[in-house]
Amino acid sequence: DSEVATDSEQLTGTPHFMAYELLR
């Protein structure tokens, strides 16, 4: 998404079903 800065990526999702890379 060109409208969203890489460093502003927000963690989204339900924690127990989120990808390991995102949580770490």
mmCIF file of all heavy atoms, coordinates in Angstrom:
data_MODEL
# 
_entry.id   MODEL 
# 
loop_
_atom_site.group_PDB 
_atom_site.id 
_atom_site.type_symbol 
_atom_site.label_atom_id 
_atom_site.label_alt_id 
_atom_site.label_comp_id 
_atom_site.label_asym_id 
_atom_site.label_entity_id 
_atom_site.label_seq_id 
_atom_site.pdbx_PDB_ins_code 
_atom_site.Cartn_x 
_atom_site.Cartn_y 
_atom_site.Cartn_z 
_atom_site.occupancy 
_atom_site.B_iso_or_equiv 
_atom_site.pdbx_formal_charge 
_atom_site.auth_seq_id 
_atom_site.auth_comp_id 
_atom_site.auth_asym_id 
_atom_site.auth_atom_id 
_atom_site.pdbx_PDB_model_num 
ATOM 1   N N   . ASP A 1 1  ? 0.845  -1.178  0.000  1.00 0.00 ? 1  ASP A N   1 
ATOM 2   C CA  . ASP A 1 1  ? 0.000  0.000   0.000  1.00 0.00 ? 1  ASP A CA  1 
ATOM 3   C C   . ASP A 1 1  ? 0.889  1.241   0.000  1.00 0.00 ? 1  ASP A C   1 
ATOM 4   O O   . ASP A 1 1  ? 1.559  1.533   0.987  1.00 0.00 ? 1  ASP A O   1 
ATOM 5   C CB  . ASP A 1 1  ? -0.901 0.000   1.240  1.00 0.00 ? 1  ASP A CB  1 
ATOM 6   C CG  . ASP A 1 1  ? -2.003 1.057   1.145  1.00 0.00 ? 1  ASP A CG  1 
ATOM 7   O OD1 . ASP A 1 1  ? -1.843 1.992   0.340  1.00 0.00 ? 1  ASP A OD1 1 
ATOM 8   O OD2 . ASP A 1 1  ? -3.000 0.948   1.865  1.00 0.00 ? 1  ASP A OD2 1 
ATOM 9   N N   . SER A 1 2  ? 0.881  1.951   -1.108 1.00 0.00 ? 2  SER A N   1 
ATOM 10  C CA  . SER A 1 2  ? 1.742  3.122   -1.241 1.00 0.00 ? 2  SER A CA  1 
ATOM 11  C C   . SER A 1 2  ? 1.302  4.262   -0.324 1.00 0.00 ? 2  SER A C   1 
ATOM 12  O O   . SER A 1 2  ? 2.074  5.184   -0.054 1.00 0.00 ? 2  SER A O   1 
ATOM 13  C CB  . SER A 1 2  ? 1.742  3.615   -2.697 1.00 0.00 ? 2  SER A CB  1 
ATOM 14  O OG  . SER A 1 2  ? 0.418  3.937   -3.118 1.00 0.00 ? 2  SER A OG  1 
ATOM 15  N N   . GLU A 1 3  ? 0.033  4.196   0.159  1.00 0.00 ? 3  GLU A N   1 
ATOM 16  C CA  . GLU A 1 3  ? -0.467 5.272   1.013  1.00 0.00 ? 3  GLU A CA  1 
ATOM 17  C C   . GLU A 1 3  ? -0.089 5.087   2.477  1.00 0.00 ? 3  GLU A C   1 
ATOM 18  O O   . GLU A 1 3  ? -0.324 5.963   3.301  1.00 0.00 ? 3  GLU A O   1 
ATOM 19  C CB  . GLU A 1 3  ? -1.996 5.355   0.887  1.00 0.00 ? 3  GLU A CB  1 
ATOM 20  C CG  . GLU A 1 3  ? -2.475 5.682   -0.532 1.00 0.00 ? 3  GLU A CG  1 
ATOM 21  C CD  . GLU A 1 3  ? -3.981 5.740   -0.615 1.00 0.00 ? 3  GLU A CD  1 
ATOM 22  O OE1 . GLU A 1 3  ? -4.639 5.526   0.420  1.00 0.00 ? 3  GLU A OE1 1 
ATOM 23  O OE2 . GLU A 1 3  ? -4.506 6.005   -1.718 1.00 0.00 ? 3  GLU A OE2 1 
ATOM 24  N N   . VAL A 1 4  ? 0.477  3.931   2.823  1.00 0.00 ? 4  VAL A N   1 
ATOM 25  C CA  . VAL A 1 4  ? 0.834  3.644   4.211  1.00 0.00 ? 4  VAL A CA  1 
ATOM 26  C C   . VAL A 1 4  ? 2.337  3.510   4.313  1.00 0.00 ? 4  VAL A C   1 
ATOM 27  O O   . VAL A 1 4  ? 2.946  2.701   3.603  1.00 0.00 ? 4  VAL A O   1 
ATOM 28  C CB  . VAL A 1 4  ? 0.151  2.354   4.707  1.00 0.00 ? 4  VAL A CB  1 
ATOM 29  C CG1 . VAL A 1 4  ? 0.574  2.047   6.150  1.00 0.00 ? 4  VAL A CG1 1 
ATOM 30  C CG2 . VAL A 1 4  ? -1.363 2.491   4.622  1.00 0.00 ? 4  VAL A CG2 1 
ATOM 31  N N   . ALA A 1 5  ? 2.950  4.285   5.191  1.00 0.00 ? 5  ALA A N   1 
ATOM 32  C CA  . ALA A 1 5  ? 4.391  4.206   5.388  1.00 0.00 ? 5  ALA A CA  1 
ATOM 33  C C   . ALA A 1 5  ? 4.751  2.887   6.053  1.00 0.00 ? 5  ALA A C   1 
ATOM 34  O O   . ALA A 1 5  ? 4.018  2.370   6.895  1.00 0.00 ? 5  ALA A O   1 
ATOM 35  C CB  . ALA A 1 5  ? 4.865  5.378   6.252  1.00 0.00 ? 5  ALA A CB  1 
ATOM 36  N N   . THR A 1 6  ? 5.896  2.329   5.661  1.00 0.00 ? 6  THR A N   1 
ATOM 37  C CA  . THR A 1 6  ? 6.324  1.039   6.195  1.00 0.00 ? 6  THR A CA  1 
ATOM 38  C C   . THR A 1 6  ? 6.457  1.077   7.705  1.00 0.00 ? 6  THR A C   1 
ATOM 39  O O   . THR A 1 6  ? 6.050  0.154   8.412  1.00 0.00 ? 6  THR A O   1 
ATOM 40  C CB  . THR A 1 6  ? 7.670  0.631   5.573  1.00 0.00 ? 6  THR A CB  1 
ATOM 41  O OG1 . THR A 1 6  ? 7.518  0.544   4.155  1.00 0.00 ? 6  THR A OG1 1 
ATOM 42  C CG2 . THR A 1 6  ? 8.125  -0.705  6.127  1.00 0.00 ? 6  THR A CG2 1 
ATOM 43  N N   . ASP A 1 7  ? 6.992  2.156   8.251  1.00 0.00 ? 7  ASP A N   1 
ATOM 44  C CA  . ASP A 1 7  ? 7.218  2.230   9.684  1.00 0.00 ? 7  ASP A CA  1 
ATOM 45  C C   . ASP A 1 7  ? 5.953  2.520   10.483 1.00 0.00 ? 7  ASP A C   1 
ATOM 46  O O   . ASP A 1 7  ? 5.977  2.557   11.710 1.00 0.00 ? 7  ASP A O   1 
ATOM 47  C CB  . ASP A 1 7  ? 8.281  3.280   9.999  1.00 0.00 ? 7  ASP A CB  1 
ATOM 48  C CG  . ASP A 1 7  ? 7.912  4.662   9.458  1.00 0.00 ? 7  ASP A CG  1 
ATOM 49  O OD1 . ASP A 1 7  ? 6.825  4.783   8.866  1.00 0.00 ? 7  ASP A OD1 1 
ATOM 50  O OD2 . ASP A 1 7  ? 8.718  5.601   9.638  1.00 0.00 ? 7  ASP A OD2 1 
ATOM 51  N N   . SER A 1 8  ? 4.809  2.736   9.771  1.00 0.00 ? 8  SER A N   1 
ATOM 52  C CA  . SER A 1 8  ? 3.553  2.986   10.476 1.00 0.00 ? 8  SER A CA  1 
ATOM 53  C C   . SER A 1 8  ? 2.636  1.768   10.451 1.00 0.00 ? 8  SER A C   1 
ATOM 54  O O   . SER A 1 8  ? 1.474  1.846   10.829 1.00 0.00 ? 8  SER A O   1 
ATOM 55  C CB  . SER A 1 8  ? 2.823  4.183   9.853  1.00 0.00 ? 8  SER A CB  1 
ATOM 56  O OG  . SER A 1 8  ? 2.401  3.882   8.525  1.00 0.00 ? 8  SER A OG  1 
ATOM 57  N N   . GLU A 1 9  ? 3.164  0.626   10.004 1.00 0.00 ? 9  GLU A N   1 
ATOM 58  C CA  . GLU A 1 9  ? 2.372  -0.599  9.946  1.00 0.00 ? 9  GLU A CA  1 
ATOM 59  C C   . GLU A 1 9  ? 1.859  -0.949  11.340 1.00 0.00 ? 9  GLU A C   1 
ATOM 60  O O   . GLU A 1 9  ? 2.617  -1.074  12.297 1.00 0.00 ? 9  GLU A O   1 
ATOM 61  C CB  . GLU A 1 9  ? 3.233  -1.750  9.414  1.00 0.00 ? 9  GLU A CB  1 
ATOM 62  C CG  . GLU A 1 9  ? 2.537  -3.105  9.383  1.00 0.00 ? 9  GLU A CG  1 
ATOM 63  C CD  . GLU A 1 9  ? 1.660  -3.291  8.164  1.00 0.00 ? 9  GLU A CD  1 
ATOM 64  O OE1 . GLU A 1 9  ? 1.517  -2.333  7.397  1.00 0.00 ? 9  GLU A OE1 1 
ATOM 65  O OE2 . GLU A 1 9  ? 1.123  -4.395  7.984  1.00 0.00 ? 9  GLU A OE2 1 
ATOM 66  N N   . GLN A 1 10 ? 0.544  -1.086  11.472 1.00 0.00 ? 10 GLN A N   1 
ATOM 67  C CA  . GLN A 1 10 ? -0.055 -1.420  12.751 1.00 0.00 ? 10 GLN A CA  1 
ATOM 68  C C   . GLN A 1 10 ? -0.393 -2.890  12.803 1.00 0.00 ? 10 GLN A C   1 
ATOM 69  O O   . GLN A 1 10 ? -0.814 -3.492  11.817 1.00 0.00 ? 10 GLN A O   1 
ATOM 70  C CB  . GLN A 1 10 ? -1.318 -0.588  12.989 1.00 0.00 ? 10 GLN A CB  1 
ATOM 71  C CG  . GLN A 1 10 ? -1.057 0.901   13.142 1.00 0.00 ? 10 GLN A CG  1 
ATOM 72  C CD  . GLN A 1 10 ? -2.324 1.670   13.453 1.00 0.00 ? 10 GLN A CD  1 
ATOM 73  O OE1 . GLN A 1 10 ? -3.421 1.154   13.310 1.00 0.00 ? 10 GLN A OE1 1 
ATOM 74  N NE2 . GLN A 1 10 ? -2.170 2.911   13.874 1.00 0.00 ? 10 GLN A NE2 1 
ATOM 75  N N   . LEU A 1 11 ? -0.195 -3.472  13.988 1.00 0.00 ? 11 LEU A N   1 
ATOM 76  C CA  . LEU A 1 11 ? -0.494 -4.878  14.193 1.00 0.00 ? 11 LEU A CA  1 
ATOM 77  C C   . LEU A 1 11 ? -2.002 -5.063  14.226 1.00 0.00 ? 11 LEU A C   1 
ATOM 78  O O   . LEU A 1 11 ? -2.701 -4.415  15.010 1.00 0.00 ? 11 LEU A O   1 
ATOM 79  C CB  . LEU A 1 11 ? 0.123  -5.339  15.514 1.00 0.00 ? 11 LEU A CB  1 
ATOM 80  C CG  . LEU A 1 11 ? 0.298  -6.850  15.715 1.00 0.00 ? 11 LEU A CG  1 
ATOM 81  C CD1 . LEU A 1 11 ? 1.284  -7.397  14.700 1.00 0.00 ? 11 LEU A CD1 1 
ATOM 82  C CD2 . LEU A 1 11 ? 0.791  -7.122  17.132 1.00 0.00 ? 11 LEU A CD2 1 
ATOM 83  N N   . THR A 1 12 ? -2.533 -5.919  13.356 1.00 0.00 ? 12 THR A N   1 
ATOM 84  C CA  . THR A 1 12 ? -3.965 -6.175  13.317 1.00 0.00 ? 12 THR A CA  1 
ATOM 85  C C   . THR A 1 12 ? -4.203 -7.675  13.352 1.00 0.00 ? 12 THR A C   1 
ATOM 86  O O   . THR A 1 12 ? -3.345 -8.465  12.950 1.00 0.00 ? 12 THR A O   1 
ATOM 87  C CB  . THR A 1 12 ? -4.609 -5.596  12.044 1.00 0.00 ? 12 THR A CB  1 
ATOM 88  O OG1 . THR A 1 12 ? -4.028 -6.220  10.893 1.00 0.00 ? 12 THR A OG1 1 
ATOM 89  C CG2 . THR A 1 12 ? -4.400 -4.097  11.967 1.00 0.00 ? 12 THR A CG2 1 
ATOM 90  N N   . GLY A 1 13 ? -5.383 -8.052  13.822 1.00 0.00 ? 13 GLY A N   1 
ATOM 91  C CA  . GLY A 1 13 ? -5.732 -9.459  13.840 1.00 0.00 ? 13 GLY A CA  1 
ATOM 92  C C   . GLY A 1 13 ? -6.087 -9.936  15.236 1.00 0.00 ? 13 GLY A C   1 
ATOM 93  O O   . GLY A 1 13 ? -5.985 -9.207  16.222 1.00 0.00 ? 13 GLY A O   1 
ATOM 94  N N   . THR A 1 14 ? -6.543 -11.176 15.310 1.00 0.00 ? 14 THR A N   1 
ATOM 95  C CA  . THR A 1 14 ? -6.840 -11.825 16.576 1.00 0.00 ? 14 THR A CA  1 
ATOM 96  C C   . THR A 1 14 ? -5.585 -12.548 17.035 1.00 0.00 ? 14 THR A C   1 
ATOM 97  O O   . THR A 1 14 ? -5.102 -13.445 16.340 1.00 0.00 ? 14 THR A O   1 
ATOM 98  C CB  . THR A 1 14 ? -8.006 -12.815 16.405 1.00 0.00 ? 14 THR A CB  1 
ATOM 99  O OG1 . THR A 1 14 ? -9.133 -12.098 15.863 1.00 0.00 ? 14 THR A OG1 1 
ATOM 100 C CG2 . THR A 1 14 ? -8.395 -13.442 17.728 1.00 0.00 ? 14 THR A CG2 1 
ATOM 101 N N   . PRO A 1 15 ? -5.002 -12.182 18.181 1.00 0.00 ? 15 PRO A N   1 
ATOM 102 C CA  . PRO A 1 15 ? -3.650 -12.645 18.555 1.00 0.00 ? 15 PRO A CA  1 
ATOM 103 C C   . PRO A 1 15 ? -3.410 -14.129 18.398 1.00 0.00 ? 15 PRO A C   1 
ATOM 104 O O   . PRO A 1 15 ? -2.367 -14.537 17.890 1.00 0.00 ? 15 PRO A O   1 
ATOM 105 C CB  . PRO A 1 15 ? -3.540 -12.209 20.022 1.00 0.00 ? 15 PRO A CB  1 
ATOM 106 C CG  . PRO A 1 15 ? -4.397 -11.007 20.108 1.00 0.00 ? 15 PRO A CG  1 
ATOM 107 C CD  . PRO A 1 15 ? -5.563 -11.263 19.191 1.00 0.00 ? 15 PRO A CD  1 
ATOM 108 N N   . HIS A 1 16 ? -4.349 -14.984 18.807 1.00 0.00 ? 16 HIS A N   1 
ATOM 109 C CA  . HIS A 1 16 ? -4.084 -16.421 18.795 1.00 0.00 ? 16 HIS A CA  1 
ATOM 110 C C   . HIS A 1 16 ? -4.120 -17.037 17.403 1.00 0.00 ? 16 HIS A C   1 
ATOM 111 O O   . HIS A 1 16 ? -3.868 -18.224 17.241 1.00 0.00 ? 16 HIS A O   1 
ATOM 112 C CB  . HIS A 1 16 ? -5.068 -17.130 19.724 1.00 0.00 ? 16 HIS A CB  1 
ATOM 113 C CG  . HIS A 1 16 ? -4.853 -16.784 21.165 1.00 0.00 ? 16 HIS A CG  1 
ATOM 114 N ND1 . HIS A 1 16 ? -5.254 -15.583 21.692 1.00 0.00 ? 16 HIS A ND1 1 
ATOM 115 C CD2 . HIS A 1 16 ? -4.227 -17.449 22.165 1.00 0.00 ? 16 HIS A CD2 1 
ATOM 116 C CE1 . HIS A 1 16 ? -4.920 -15.540 22.964 1.00 0.00 ? 16 HIS A CE1 1 
ATOM 117 N NE2 . HIS A 1 16 ? -4.297 -16.647 23.284 1.00 0.00 ? 16 HIS A NE2 1 
ATOM 118 N N   . PHE A 1 17 ? -4.434 -16.237 16.394 1.00 0.00 ? 17 PHE A N   1 
ATOM 119 C CA  . PHE A 1 17 ? -4.446 -16.746 15.021 1.00 0.00 ? 17 PHE A CA  1 
ATOM 120 C C   . PHE A 1 17 ? -3.576 -15.897 14.099 1.00 0.00 ? 17 PHE A C   1 
ATOM 121 O O   . PHE A 1 17 ? -3.660 -16.024 12.878 1.00 0.00 ? 17 PHE A O   1 
ATOM 122 C CB  . PHE A 1 17 ? -5.888 -16.805 14.501 1.00 0.00 ? 17 PHE A CB  1 
ATOM 123 C CG  . PHE A 1 17 ? -6.784 -17.674 15.338 1.00 0.00 ? 17 PHE A CG  1 
ATOM 124 C CD1 . PHE A 1 17 ? -7.595 -17.128 16.317 1.00 0.00 ? 17 PHE A CD1 1 
ATOM 125 C CD2 . PHE A 1 17 ? -6.786 -19.046 15.177 1.00 0.00 ? 17 PHE A CD2 1 
ATOM 126 C CE1 . PHE A 1 17 ? -8.397 -17.921 17.116 1.00 0.00 ? 17 PHE A CE1 1 
ATOM 127 C CE2 . PHE A 1 17 ? -7.580 -19.860 15.970 1.00 0.00 ? 17 PHE A CE2 1 
ATOM 128 C CZ  . PHE A 1 17 ? -8.387 -19.297 16.940 1.00 0.00 ? 17 PHE A CZ  1 
ATOM 129 N N   . MET A 1 18 ? -2.737 -15.077 14.675 1.00 0.00 ? 18 MET A N   1 
ATOM 130 C CA  . MET A 1 18 ? -1.868 -14.226 13.876 1.00 0.00 ? 18 MET A CA  1 
ATOM 131 C C   . MET A 1 18 ? -0.562 -14.926 13.539 1.00 0.00 ? 18 MET A C   1 
ATOM 132 O O   . MET A 1 18 ? -0.111 -15.829 14.262 1.00 0.00 ? 18 MET A O   1 
ATOM 133 C CB  . MET A 1 18 ? -1.580 -12.918 14.618 1.00 0.00 ? 18 MET A CB  1 
ATOM 134 C CG  . MET A 1 18 ? -2.789 -12.006 14.738 1.00 0.00 ? 18 MET A CG  1 
ATOM 135 S SD  . MET A 1 18 ? -2.460 -10.559 15.767 1.00 0.00 ? 18 MET A SD  1 
ATOM 136 C CE  . MET A 1 18 ? -1.196 -9.754  14.803 1.00 0.00 ? 18 MET A CE  1 
ATOM 137 N N   . ALA A 1 19 ? 0.052  -14.495 12.438 1.00 0.00 ? 19 ALA A N   1 
ATOM 138 C CA  . ALA A 1 19 ? 1.322  -15.081 11.998 1.00 0.00 ? 19 ALA A CA  1 
ATOM 139 C C   . ALA A 1 19 ? 2.430  -14.769 12.997 1.00 0.00 ? 19 ALA A C   1 
ATOM 140 O O   . ALA A 1 19 ? 2.475  -13.698 13.614 1.00 0.00 ? 19 ALA A O   1 
ATOM 141 C CB  . ALA A 1 19 ? 1.684  -14.538 10.615 1.00 0.00 ? 19 ALA A CB  1 
ATOM 142 N N   . TYR A 1 20 ? 3.307  -15.721 13.153 1.00 0.00 ? 20 TYR A N   1 
ATOM 143 C CA  . TYR A 1 20 ? 4.410  -15.617 14.110 1.00 0.00 ? 20 TYR A CA  1 
ATOM 144 C C   . TYR A 1 20 ? 5.310  -14.419 13.803 1.00 0.00 ? 20 TYR A C   1 
ATOM 145 O O   . TYR A 1 20 ? 5.765  -13.716 14.703 1.00 0.00 ? 20 TYR A O   1 
ATOM 146 C CB  . TYR A 1 20 ? 5.198  -16.921 14.062 1.00 0.00 ? 20 TYR A CB  1 
ATOM 147 C CG  . TYR A 1 20 ? 6.315  -17.039 15.076 1.00 0.00 ? 20 TYR A CG  1 
ATOM 148 C CD1 . TYR A 1 20 ? 6.029  -17.146 16.431 1.00 0.00 ? 20 TYR A CD1 1 
ATOM 149 C CD2 . TYR A 1 20 ? 7.650  -17.056 14.675 1.00 0.00 ? 20 TYR A CD2 1 
ATOM 150 C CE1 . TYR A 1 20 ? 7.043  -17.274 17.361 1.00 0.00 ? 20 TYR A CE1 1 
ATOM 151 C CE2 . TYR A 1 20 ? 8.671  -17.184 15.600 1.00 0.00 ? 20 TYR A CE2 1 
ATOM 152 C CZ  . TYR A 1 20 ? 8.361  -17.284 16.943 1.00 0.00 ? 20 TYR A CZ  1 
ATOM 153 O OH  . TYR A 1 20 ? 9.358  -17.403 17.865 1.00 0.00 ? 20 TYR A OH  1 
ATOM 154 N N   . GLU A 1 21 ? 5.577  -14.189 12.527 1.00 0.00 ? 21 GLU A N   1 
ATOM 155 C CA  . GLU A 1 21 ? 6.431  -13.061 12.153 1.00 0.00 ? 21 GLU A CA  1 
ATOM 156 C C   . GLU A 1 21 ? 5.830  -11.726 12.600 1.00 0.00 ? 21 GLU A C   1 
ATOM 157 O O   . GLU A 1 21 ? 6.553  -10.827 13.048 1.00 0.00 ? 21 GLU A O   1 
ATOM 158 C CB  . GLU A 1 21 ? 6.647  -13.037 10.630 1.00 0.00 ? 21 GLU A CB  1 
ATOM 159 C CG  . GLU A 1 21 ? 7.555  -14.134 10.121 1.00 0.00 ? 21 GLU A CG  1 
ATOM 160 C CD  . GLU A 1 21 ? 7.836  -13.987 8.631  1.00 0.00 ? 21 GLU A CD  1 
ATOM 161 O OE1 . GLU A 1 21 ? 7.040  -13.314 7.936  1.00 0.00 ? 21 GLU A OE1 1 
ATOM 162 O OE2 . GLU A 1 21 ? 8.843  -14.538 8.178  1.00 0.00 ? 21 GLU A OE2 1 
ATOM 163 N N   . LEU A 1 22 ? 4.501  -11.606 12.486 1.00 0.00 ? 22 LEU A N   1 
ATOM 164 C CA  . LEU A 1 22 ? 3.854  -10.358 12.875 1.00 0.00 ? 22 LEU A CA  1 
ATOM 165 C C   . LEU A 1 22 ? 3.945  -10.130 14.378 1.00 0.00 ? 22 LEU A C   1 
ATOM 166 O O   . LEU A 1 22 ? 4.211  -9.022  14.835 1.00 0.00 ? 22 LEU A O   1 
ATOM 167 C CB  . LEU A 1 22 ? 2.384  -10.376 12.444 1.00 0.00 ? 22 LEU A CB  1 
ATOM 168 C CG  . LEU A 1 22 ? 2.123  -10.417 10.935 1.00 0.00 ? 22 LEU A CG  1 
ATOM 169 C CD1 . LEU A 1 22 ? 0.641  -10.618 10.665 1.00 0.00 ? 22 LEU A CD1 1 
ATOM 170 C CD2 . LEU A 1 22 ? 2.607  -9.129  10.274 1.00 0.00 ? 22 LEU A CD2 1 
ATOM 171 N N   . LEU A 1 23 ? 3.749  -11.197 15.136 1.00 0.00 ? 23 LEU A N   1 
ATOM 172 C CA  . LEU A 1 23 ? 3.797  -11.067 16.585 1.00 0.00 ? 23 LEU A CA  1 
ATOM 173 C C   . LEU A 1 23 ? 5.201  -10.781 17.092 1.00 0.00 ? 23 LEU A C   1 
ATOM 174 O O   . LEU A 1 23 ? 5.383  -10.092 18.093 1.00 0.00 ? 23 LEU A O   1 
ATOM 175 C CB  . LEU A 1 23 ? 3.245  -12.329 17.234 1.00 0.00 ? 23 LEU A CB  1 
ATOM 176 C CG  . LEU A 1 23 ? 1.733  -12.533 17.054 1.00 0.00 ? 23 LEU A CG  1 
ATOM 177 C CD1 . LEU A 1 23 ? 1.330  -13.940 17.449 1.00 0.00 ? 23 LEU A CD1 1 
ATOM 178 C CD2 . LEU A 1 23 ? 0.957  -11.522 17.880 1.00 0.00 ? 23 LEU A CD2 1 
ATOM 179 N N   . ARG A 1 24 ? 6.193  -11.336 16.398 1.00 0.00 ? 24 ARG A N   1 
ATOM 180 C CA  . ARG A 1 24 ? 7.581  -11.096 16.790 1.00 0.00 ? 24 ARG A CA  1 
ATOM 181 C C   . ARG A 1 24 ? 8.154  -9.826  16.163 1.00 0.00 ? 24 ARG A C   1 
ATOM 182 O O   . ARG A 1 24 ? 9.251  -9.390  16.528 1.00 0.00 ? 24 ARG A O   1 
ATOM 183 C CB  . ARG A 1 24 ? 8.456  -12.295 16.364 1.00 0.00 ? 24 ARG A CB  1 
ATOM 184 C CG  . ARG A 1 24 ? 8.254  -13.546 17.194 1.00 0.00 ? 24 ARG A CG  1 
ATOM 185 C CD  . ARG A 1 24 ? 8.779  -13.362 18.619 1.00 0.00 ? 24 ARG A CD  1 
ATOM 186 N NE  . ARG A 1 24 ? 10.198 -13.051 18.610 1.00 0.00 ? 24 ARG A NE  1 
ATOM 187 C CZ  . ARG A 1 24 ? 11.163 -13.969 18.637 1.00 0.00 ? 24 ARG A CZ  1 
ATOM 188 N NH1 . ARG A 1 24 ? 10.848 -15.258 18.663 1.00 0.00 ? 24 ARG A NH1 1 
ATOM 189 N NH2 . ARG A 1 24 ? 12.438 -13.612 18.641 1.00 0.00 ? 24 ARG A NH2 1 
# 
